[in-house]
Amino acid sequence: MTRPDVTLENYEDVYRFYLDHQQNRLVANAAYAALSARFRPRTRYADGACRQLQELLGSGTRLIVAANHVTDRDQYTLAATAWQSPLRRAIGRTRVLAKDELFVDPKLRRKIDMMGSIPVFRGKDHGMRAVADAGRRMMEISAQRLHRGDVLAIFPEGTCNDVDPSRVQKINSGIGHIAVKARKLGSAPALLSLGIRYRPGGVADVYISSPVLDLPTTPMDITRVVAADMQAAVDGAFDTVDGQRTPSR
């Protein structure tokens, strides 16, 4: 299928395409490896989280990865972290929700398509009423990809945190709706929260929390769990080796 123009007016064709789009896994692995070598995030885990993550991926458990959003380079930090962690086995079958404006430039679009991105039409850009139908379709497609076995990565804050990176912003309820829709399809997704913090010079500390296996049944309750778990992950990213909190960049 020909790649459709990513415009709000064309959202039906857009999501029809991204329901089945599959990037070249060899190329994706090479790109993730290159990002890891370039950005070199310093990754730490909650106690037992690395082993738990390995087991979940090995068992085929559906996984939603939620990370805080600090800068425009977060998606690269997330990709580099995936290469360094058990998430490496999911490269090539990971979907990342990304704002629609990233799909406009053809050269950039090729890169983010290679990383498995799915476009999101944000209310802050187009107006809440204008994006309502597209938003529902995006959540349906995301749930279907998740149900099929893809890992779904989301920045649930929806916008960069330029106020206080140590405090998670309001979480959009879309992540809860996607989880509920995936459950209705027959999957029981687990949540994996990542906290990102940038030190002076741009080096990222990434903290990977223990997966949350038993999510609540309603979108709002899931959203509240995501908010609390993400804050715990961000707290972990801001903790130094000796347990003292240090200011962000």
C-alpha atoms as a PDB file:
ATOM      1  CA  MET A   1       0.000   0.000   0.000  1.00  0.00           C
ATOM      2  CA  THR A   2       1.260   3.474  -0.903  1.00  0.00           C
ATOM      3  CA  ARG A   3       2.190   5.645   2.050  1.00  0.00           C
ATOM      4  CA  PRO A   4      -0.655   8.142   2.502  1.00  0.00           C
ATOM      5  CA  ASP A   5      -0.121  11.804   3.341  1.00  0.00           C
ATOM      6  CA  VAL A   6      -0.349  12.174   7.105  1.00  0.00           C
ATOM      7  CA  THR A   7      -3.046  14.815   7.413  1.00  0.00           C
ATOM      8  CA  LEU A   8      -6.034  15.012   9.703  1.00  0.00           C
ATOM      9  CA  GLU A   9      -8.415  15.055   6.735  1.00  0.00           C
ATOM     10  CA  ASN A  10      -6.841  11.814   5.542  1.00  0.00           C
ATOM     11  CA  TYR A  11      -6.838  10.010   8.895  1.00  0.00           C
ATOM     12  CA  GLU A  12      -8.832   6.978   7.712  1.00  0.00           C
ATOM     13  CA  ASP A  13      -6.221   6.135   5.043  1.00  0.00           C
ATOM     14  CA  VAL A  14      -3.425   6.965   7.481  1.00  0.00           C
ATOM     15  CA  TYR A  15      -4.573   4.481  10.091  1.00  0.00           C
ATOM     16  CA  ARG A  16      -5.493   1.863   7.503  1.00  0.00           C
ATOM     17  CA  PHE A  17      -1.838   1.995   6.419  1.00  0.00           C
ATOM     18  CA  TYR A  18      -0.382   1.896   9.947  1.00  0.00           C
ATOM     19  CA  LEU A  19      -2.581  -1.009  10.969  1.00  0.00           C
ATOM     20  CA  ASP A  20      -0.343  -3.272   8.904  1.00  0.00           C
ATOM     21  CA  HIS A  21       2.839  -1.296   8.298  1.00  0.00           C
ATOM     22  CA  GLN A  22       5.967  -3.303   9.093  1.00  0.00           C
ATOM     23  CA  GLN A  23       9.453  -1.880   8.944  1.00  0.00           C
ATOM     24  CA  ASN A  24      12.550  -3.826   7.920  1.00  0.00           C
ATOM     25  CA  ARG A  25      13.739  -5.439  11.156  1.00  0.00           C
ATOM     26  CA  LEU A  26      17.398  -5.674  10.091  1.00  0.00           C
ATOM     27  CA  VAL A  27      17.489  -1.974   9.269  1.00  0.00           C
ATOM     28  CA  ALA A  28      15.667  -1.142  12.508  1.00  0.00           C
ATOM     29  CA  ASN A  29      18.163  -3.136  14.575  1.00  0.00           C
ATOM     30  CA  ALA A  30      21.084  -1.368  12.903  1.00  0.00           C
ATOM     31  CA  ALA A  31      19.496   2.027  13.563  1.00  0.00           C
ATOM     32  CA  TYR A  32      18.787   1.264  17.213  1.00  0.00           C
ATOM     33  CA  ALA A  33      22.358   0.040  17.663  1.00  0.00           C
ATOM     34  CA  ALA A  34      23.686   3.270  16.140  1.00  0.00           C
ATOM     35  CA  LEU A  35      21.503   5.369  18.443  1.00  0.00           C
ATOM     36  CA  SER A  36      22.750   3.408  21.438  1.00  0.00           C
ATOM     37  CA  ALA A  37      26.357   4.047  20.444  1.00  0.00           C
ATOM     38  CA  ARG A  38      25.657   7.742  19.934  1.00  0.00           C
ATOM     39  CA  PHE A  39      23.542   8.587  22.987  1.00  0.00           C
ATOM     40  CA  ARG A  40      24.796   5.990  25.521  1.00  0.00           C
ATOM     41  CA  PRO A  41      22.082   6.377  28.179  1.00  0.00           C
ATOM     42  CA  ARG A  42      22.981   5.165  31.663  1.00  0.00           C
ATOM     43  CA  THR A  43      20.319   2.596  32.494  1.00  0.00           C
ATOM     44  CA  ARG A  44      19.339   1.349  35.937  1.00  0.00           C
ATOM     45  CA  TYR A  45      16.609  -1.089  36.948  1.00  0.00           C
ATOM     46  CA  ALA A  46      14.330  -1.491  39.918  1.00  0.00           C
ATOM     47  CA  ASP A  47      15.203  -4.606  41.894  1.00  0.00           C
ATOM     48  CA  GLY A  48      14.417  -7.662  39.786  1.00  0.00           C
ATOM     49  CA  ALA A  49      12.988  -5.587  36.907  1.00  0.00           C
ATOM     50  CA  CYS A  50      15.475  -6.767  34.280  1.00  0.00           C
ATOM     51  CA  ARG A  51      14.696 -10.426  34.928  1.00  0.00           C
ATOM     52  CA  GLN A  52      10.951  -9.742  35.051  1.00  0.00           C
ATOM     53  CA  LEU A  53      11.125  -7.933  31.722  1.00  0.00           C
ATOM     54  CA  GLN A  54      13.020 -10.799  30.131  1.00  0.00           C
ATOM     55  CA  GLU A  55      10.395 -13.252  31.346  1.00  0.00           C
ATOM     56  CA  LEU A  56       7.475 -11.140  30.135  1.00  0.00           C
ATOM     57  CA  LEU A  57       8.941 -10.730  26.669  1.00  0.00           C
ATOM     58  CA  GLY A  58       9.778 -14.417  26.534  1.00  0.00           C
ATOM     59  CA  SER A  59       6.229 -15.397  27.487  1.00  0.00           C
ATOM     60  CA  GLY A  60       4.634 -13.127  24.878  1.00  0.00           C
ATOM     61  CA  THR A  61       2.954 -10.838  27.394  1.00  0.00           C
ATOM     62  CA  ARG A  62       1.684  -7.690  25.670  1.00  0.00           C
ATOM     63  CA  LEU A  63       3.642  -4.682  26.877  1.00  0.00           C
ATOM     64  CA  ILE A  64       2.916  -0.956  27.048  1.00  0.00           C
ATOM     65  CA  VAL A  65       6.035   1.153  27.650  1.00  0.00           C
ATOM     66  CA  ALA A  66       5.342   4.583  29.170  1.00  0.00           C
ATOM     67  CA  ALA A  67       8.096   7.214  29.434  1.00  0.00           C
ATOM     68  CA  ASN A  68       8.172  10.828  30.599  1.00  0.00           C
ATOM     69  CA  HIS A  69       8.695  13.486  27.942  1.00  0.00           C
ATOM     70  CA  VAL A  70      11.476  15.993  28.600  1.00  0.00           C
ATOM     71  CA  THR A  71      12.998  16.980  25.236  1.00  0.00           C
ATOM     72  CA  ASP A  72      12.647  16.302  21.514  1.00  0.00           C
ATOM     73  CA  ARG A  73      15.457  13.748  21.756  1.00  0.00           C
ATOM     74  CA  ASP A  74      13.526  11.450  24.115  1.00  0.00           C
ATOM     75  CA  GLN A  75      12.553   9.067  21.319  1.00  0.00           C
ATOM     76  CA  TYR A  76      16.232   8.547  20.536  1.00  0.00           C
ATOM     77  CA  THR A  77      17.022   7.997  24.202  1.00  0.00           C
ATOM     78  CA  LEU A  78      14.204   5.458  24.339  1.00  0.00           C
ATOM     79  CA  ALA A  79      15.510   3.656  21.254  1.00  0.00           C
ATOM     80  CA  ALA A  80      19.053   3.583  22.662  1.00  0.00           C
ATOM     81  CA  THR A  81      17.716   2.213  25.947  1.00  0.00           C
ATOM     82  CA  ALA A  82      15.794  -0.491  24.100  1.00  0.00           C
ATOM     83  CA  TRP A  83      19.020  -1.658  22.443  1.00  0.00           C
ATOM     84  CA  GLN A  84      20.769  -1.882  25.836  1.00  0.00           C
ATOM     85  CA  SER A  85      17.930  -3.718  27.573  1.00  0.00           C
ATOM     86  CA  PRO A  86      15.799  -6.857  27.122  1.00  0.00           C
ATOM     87  CA  LEU A  87      13.580  -4.703  24.892  1.00  0.00           C
ATOM     88  CA  ARG A  88      16.143  -5.332  22.145  1.00  0.00           C
ATOM     89  CA  ARG A  89      14.267  -8.495  21.223  1.00  0.00           C
ATOM     90  CA  ALA A  90      11.193  -6.349  20.414  1.00  0.00           C
ATOM     91  CA  ILE A  91      12.984  -4.028  17.961  1.00  0.00           C
ATOM     92  CA  GLY A  92      11.164  -4.245  14.651  1.00  0.00           C
ATOM     93  CA  ARG A  93       7.878  -5.017  16.335  1.00  0.00           C
ATOM     94  CA  THR A  94       7.619  -1.949  18.533  1.00  0.00           C
ATOM     95  CA  ARG A  95       5.107   0.812  17.769  1.00  0.00           C
ATOM     96  CA  VAL A  96       5.840   4.325  19.027  1.00  0.00           C
ATOM     97  CA  LEU A  97       3.113   6.960  19.107  1.00  0.00           C
ATOM     98  CA  ALA A  98       4.474  10.189  17.564  1.00  0.00           C
ATOM     99  CA  LYS A  99       2.971  13.578  16.738  1.00  0.00           C
ATOM    100  CA  ASP A 100       1.750  13.942  13.168  1.00  0.00           C
ATOM    101  CA  GLU A 101       4.061  16.851  12.269  1.00  0.00           C
ATOM    102  CA  LEU A 102       7.028  14.456  12.341  1.00  0.00           C
ATOM    103  CA  PHE A 103       5.574  12.674   9.300  1.00  0.00           C
ATOM    104  CA  VAL A 104       5.534  15.729   7.020  1.00  0.00           C
ATOM    105  CA  ASP A 105       9.170  15.855   5.883  1.00  0.00           C
ATOM    106  CA  PRO A 106       9.808  12.776   3.661  1.00  0.00           C
ATOM    107  CA  LYS A 107      13.347  12.189   4.934  1.00  0.00           C
ATOM    108  CA  LEU A 108      12.299  12.351   8.591  1.00  0.00           C
ATOM    109  CA  ARG A 109       9.248  10.221   7.897  1.00  0.00           C
ATOM    110  CA  ARG A 110      11.394   7.432   6.492  1.00  0.00           C
ATOM    111  CA  LYS A 111      13.352   7.410   9.742  1.00  0.00           C
ATOM    112  CA  ILE A 112      10.390   7.344  12.081  1.00  0.00           C
ATOM    113  CA  ASP A 113       8.555   4.805   9.916  1.00  0.00           C
ATOM    114  CA  MET A 114      11.645   2.638  10.251  1.00  0.00           C
ATOM    115  CA  MET A 115      11.327   2.960  14.039  1.00  0.00           C
ATOM    116  CA  GLY A 116       7.724   1.785  13.909  1.00  0.00           C
ATOM    117  CA  SER A 117       5.964   5.057  14.660  1.00  0.00           C
ATOM    118  CA  ILE A 118       2.202   5.599  14.498  1.00  0.00           C
ATOM    119  CA  PRO A 119       1.022   9.202  13.980  1.00  0.00           C
ATOM    120  CA  VAL A 120      -1.082  11.006  16.569  1.00  0.00           C
ATOM    121  CA  PHE A 121      -3.170  14.075  15.769  1.00  0.00           C
ATOM    122  CA  ARG A 122      -3.032  16.132  18.965  1.00  0.00           C
ATOM    123  CA  GLY A 123      -5.827  18.316  20.241  1.00  0.00           C
ATOM    124  CA  LYS A 124      -3.350  21.060  21.132  1.00  0.00           C
ATOM    125  CA  ASP A 125      -2.418  21.295  17.442  1.00  0.00           C
ATOM    126  CA  HIS A 126      -5.753  20.825  15.704  1.00  0.00           C
ATOM    127  CA  GLY A 127      -8.425  21.370  18.368  1.00  0.00           C
ATOM    128  CA  MET A 128     -10.017  18.712  20.571  1.00  0.00           C
ATOM    129  CA  ARG A 129     -13.265  18.420  18.607  1.00  0.00           C
ATOM    130  CA  ALA A 130     -11.429  18.194  15.290  1.00  0.00           C
ATOM    131  CA  VAL A 131      -9.277  15.248  16.381  1.00  0.00           C
ATOM    132  CA  ALA A 132     -11.953  13.252  18.236  1.00  0.00           C
ATOM    133  CA  ASP A 133     -12.688  10.713  15.481  1.00  0.00           C
ATOM    134  CA  ALA A 134      -9.024  10.385  14.492  1.00  0.00           C
ATOM    135  CA  GLY A 135      -8.092   9.892  18.137  1.00  0.00           C
ATOM    136  CA  ARG A 136     -10.565   7.047  18.550  1.00  0.00           C
ATOM    137  CA  ARG A 137      -9.233   5.393  15.395  1.00  0.00           C
ATOM    138  CA  MET A 138      -5.637   5.800  16.579  1.00  0.00           C
ATOM    139  CA  MET A 139      -6.486   4.074  19.867  1.00  0.00           C
ATOM    140  CA  GLU A 140      -8.210   1.216  18.033  1.00  0.00           C
ATOM    141  CA  ILE A 141      -5.203   0.697  15.750  1.00  0.00           C
ATOM    142  CA  SER A 142      -2.785   0.865  18.697  1.00  0.00           C
ATOM    143  CA  ALA A 143      -4.823  -1.725  20.610  1.00  0.00           C
ATOM    144  CA  GLN A 144      -4.902  -4.018  17.590  1.00  0.00           C
ATOM    145  CA  ARG A 145      -1.139  -3.778  17.097  1.00  0.00           C
ATOM    146  CA  LEU A 146      -0.669  -4.485  20.786  1.00  0.00           C
ATOM    147  CA  HIS A 147      -3.012  -7.478  20.609  1.00  0.00           C
ATOM    148  CA  ARG A 148      -1.078  -8.837  17.618  1.00  0.00           C
ATOM    149  CA  GLY A 149       2.072  -8.948  19.744  1.00  0.00           C
ATOM    150  CA  ASP A 150       3.761  -5.601  19.168  1.00  0.00           C
ATOM    151  CA  VAL A 151       5.195  -3.585  22.042  1.00  0.00           C
ATOM    152  CA  LEU A 152       3.553  -0.165  22.276  1.00  0.00           C
ATOM    153  CA  ALA A 153       5.659   2.807  23.455  1.00  0.00           C
ATOM    154  CA  ILE A 154       3.946   6.018  24.557  1.00  0.00           C
ATOM    155  CA  PHE A 155       4.890   9.401  26.007  1.00  0.00           C
ATOM    156  CA  PRO A 156       1.562   9.809  27.854  1.00  0.00           C
ATOM    157  CA  GLU A 157       2.170  13.401  28.923  1.00  0.00           C
ATOM    158  CA  GLY A 158       1.693  14.341  25.268  1.00  0.00           C
ATOM    159  CA  THR A 159       4.072  17.293  25.314  1.00  0.00           C
ATOM    160  CA  CYS A 160       7.568  18.159  26.573  1.00  0.00           C
ATOM    161  CA  ASN A 161       7.864  19.058  30.228  1.00  0.00           C
ATOM    162  CA  ASP A 162       9.604  22.448  30.290  1.00  0.00           C
ATOM    163  CA  VAL A 163       8.499  23.310  33.842  1.00  0.00           C
ATOM    164  CA  ASP A 164       9.892  20.692  36.226  1.00  0.00           C
ATOM    165  CA  PRO A 165      11.289  17.507  34.631  1.00  0.00           C
ATOM    166  CA  SER A 166      11.358  15.838  38.049  1.00  0.00           C
ATOM    167  CA  ARG A 167       7.538  15.913  38.263  1.00  0.00           C
ATOM    168  CA  VAL A 168       5.370  14.041  35.776  1.00  0.00           C
ATOM    169  CA  GLN A 169       2.789  16.216  34.048  1.00  0.00           C
ATOM    170  CA  LYS A 170      -0.881  15.315  33.672  1.00  0.00           C
ATOM    171  CA  ILE A 171      -1.239  11.968  31.928  1.00  0.00           C
ATOM    172  CA  ASN A 172      -3.617  11.747  28.989  1.00  0.00           C
ATOM    173  CA  SER A 173      -6.271   9.046  29.345  1.00  0.00           C
ATOM    174  CA  GLY A 174      -5.545   7.592  25.893  1.00  0.00           C
ATOM    175  CA  ILE A 175      -3.149   5.053  27.389  1.00  0.00           C
ATOM    176  CA  GLY A 176      -5.941   3.749  29.585  1.00  0.00           C
ATOM    177  CA  HIS A 177      -8.371   3.490  26.680  1.00  0.00           C
ATOM    178  CA  ILE A 178      -5.793   1.606  24.588  1.00  0.00           C
ATOM    179  CA  ALA A 179      -5.186  -0.890  27.392  1.00  0.00           C
ATOM    180  CA  VAL A 180      -8.922  -1.481  27.835  1.00  0.00           C
ATOM    181  CA  LYS A 181      -9.437  -1.922  24.079  1.00  0.00           C
ATOM    182  CA  ALA A 182      -6.564  -4.436  23.961  1.00  0.00           C
ATOM    183  CA  ARG A 183      -8.150  -6.352  26.844  1.00  0.00           C
ATOM    184  CA  LYS A 184     -11.466  -6.500  24.965  1.00  0.00           C
ATOM    185  CA  LEU A 185      -9.583  -8.041  22.042  1.00  0.00           C
ATOM    186  CA  GLY A 186      -8.333 -10.776  24.373  1.00  0.00           C
ATOM    187  CA  SER A 187      -4.959  -9.445  25.584  1.00  0.00           C
ATOM    188  CA  ALA A 188      -3.919  -8.449  29.089  1.00  0.00           C
ATOM    189  CA  PRO A 189      -1.158  -5.857  28.641  1.00  0.00           C
ATOM    190  CA  ALA A 190       1.431  -5.129  31.299  1.00  0.00           C
ATOM    191  CA  LEU A 191       2.850  -1.664  31.969  1.00  0.00           C
ATOM    192  CA  LEU A 192       6.557  -0.816  31.935  1.00  0.00           C
ATOM    193  CA  SER A 193       7.427   2.713  33.078  1.00  0.00           C
ATOM    194  CA  LEU A 194      10.706   4.422  32.199  1.00  0.00           C
ATOM    195  CA  GLY A 195      11.989   7.578  33.825  1.00  0.00           C
ATOM    196  CA  ILE A 196      14.334   9.835  31.828  1.00  0.00           C
ATOM    197  CA  ARG A 197      16.588  12.522  33.277  1.00  0.00           C
ATOM    198  CA  TYR A 198      19.306  14.486  31.438  1.00  0.00           C
ATOM    199  CA  ARG A 199      22.494  15.493  33.184  1.00  0.00           C
ATOM    200  CA  PRO A 200      24.606  18.532  32.267  1.00  0.00           C
ATOM    201  CA  GLY A 201      26.192  17.740  28.919  1.00  0.00           C
ATOM    202  CA  GLY A 202      23.119  15.843  27.762  1.00  0.00           C
ATOM    203  CA  VAL A 203      23.861  12.348  29.088  1.00  0.00           C
ATOM    204  CA  ALA A 204      20.608  10.580  29.978  1.00  0.00           C
ATOM    205  CA  ASP A 205      19.890   8.564  33.094  1.00  0.00           C
ATOM    206  CA  VAL A 206      17.092   6.076  32.441  1.00  0.00           C
ATOM    207  CA  TYR A 207      15.373   4.153  35.216  1.00  0.00           C
ATOM    208  CA  ILE A 208      13.329   1.066  34.334  1.00  0.00           C
ATOM    209  CA  SER A 209      10.650   0.203  36.872  1.00  0.00           C
ATOM    210  CA  SER A 210       9.271  -3.218  37.689  1.00  0.00           C
ATOM    211  CA  PRO A 211       6.469  -4.144  35.276  1.00  0.00           C
ATOM    212  CA  VAL A 212       2.895  -3.719  36.503  1.00  0.00           C
ATOM    213  CA  LEU A 213       1.045  -6.895  35.557  1.00  0.00           C
ATOM    214  CA  ASP A 214      -2.465  -6.391  36.907  1.00  0.00           C
ATOM    215  CA  LEU A 215      -3.870  -3.175  35.535  1.00  0.00           C
ATOM    216  CA  PRO A 216      -7.310  -1.899  36.623  1.00  0.00           C
ATOM    217  CA  THR A 217     -10.377  -2.349  34.449  1.00  0.00           C
ATOM    218  CA  THR A 218     -11.307   1.252  33.590  1.00  0.00           C
ATOM    219  CA  PRO A 219      -9.380   3.803  31.499  1.00  0.00           C
ATOM    220  CA  MET A 220      -9.283   6.408  34.268  1.00  0.00           C
ATOM    221  CA  ASP A 221      -8.063   3.950  36.905  1.00  0.00           C
ATOM    222  CA  ILE A 222      -5.366   2.727  34.512  1.00  0.00           C
ATOM    223  CA  THR A 223      -4.359   6.339  33.848  1.00  0.00           C
ATOM    224  CA  ARG A 224      -3.957   6.947  37.567  1.00  0.00           C
ATOM    225  CA  VAL A 225      -1.778   3.849  37.911  1.00  0.00           C
ATOM    226  CA  VAL A 226       0.345   5.002  34.963  1.00  0.00           C
ATOM    227  CA  ALA A 227       0.792   8.462  36.515  1.00  0.00           C
ATOM    228  CA  ALA A 228       1.942   7.039  39.856  1.00  0.00           C
ATOM    229  CA  ASP A 229       4.223   4.426  38.291  1.00  0.00           C
ATOM    230  CA  MET A 230       5.795   6.934  35.911  1.00  0.00           C
ATOM    231  CA  GLN A 231       6.483   9.299  38.811  1.00  0.00           C
ATOM    232  CA  ALA A 232       8.211   6.482  40.678  1.00  0.00           C
ATOM    233  CA  ALA A 233      10.339   5.826  37.575  1.00  0.00           C
ATOM    234  CA  VAL A 234      11.230   9.520  37.252  1.00  0.00           C
ATOM    235  CA  ASP A 235      12.143   9.566  40.935  1.00  0.00           C
ATOM    236  CA  GLY A 236      14.455   6.639  40.234  1.00  0.00           C
ATOM    237  CA  ALA A 237      16.081   8.504  37.348  1.00  0.00           C
ATOM    238  CA  PHE A 238      16.760  11.497  39.601  1.00  0.00           C
ATOM    239  CA  ASP A 239      18.264   9.429  42.406  1.00  0.00           C
ATOM    240  CA  THR A 240      22.052   9.248  42.429  1.00  0.00           C
ATOM    241  CA  VAL A 241      24.035   6.192  43.482  1.00  0.00           C
ATOM    242  CA  ASP A 242      24.053   7.316  47.100  1.00  0.00           C
ATOM    243  CA  GLY A 243      20.307   7.933  47.084  1.00  0.00           C
ATOM    244  CA  GLN A 244      20.476  11.710  47.096  1.00  0.00           C
ATOM    245  CA  ARG A 245      18.286  13.718  44.748  1.00  0.00           C
ATOM    246  CA  THR A 246      20.168  16.108  42.514  1.00  0.00           C
ATOM    247  CA  PRO A 247      18.872  18.954  40.373  1.00  0.00           C
ATOM    248  CA  SER A 248      18.132  18.379  36.688  1.00  0.00           C
ATOM    249  CA  ARG A 249      19.861  19.993  33.776  1.00  0.00           C
END
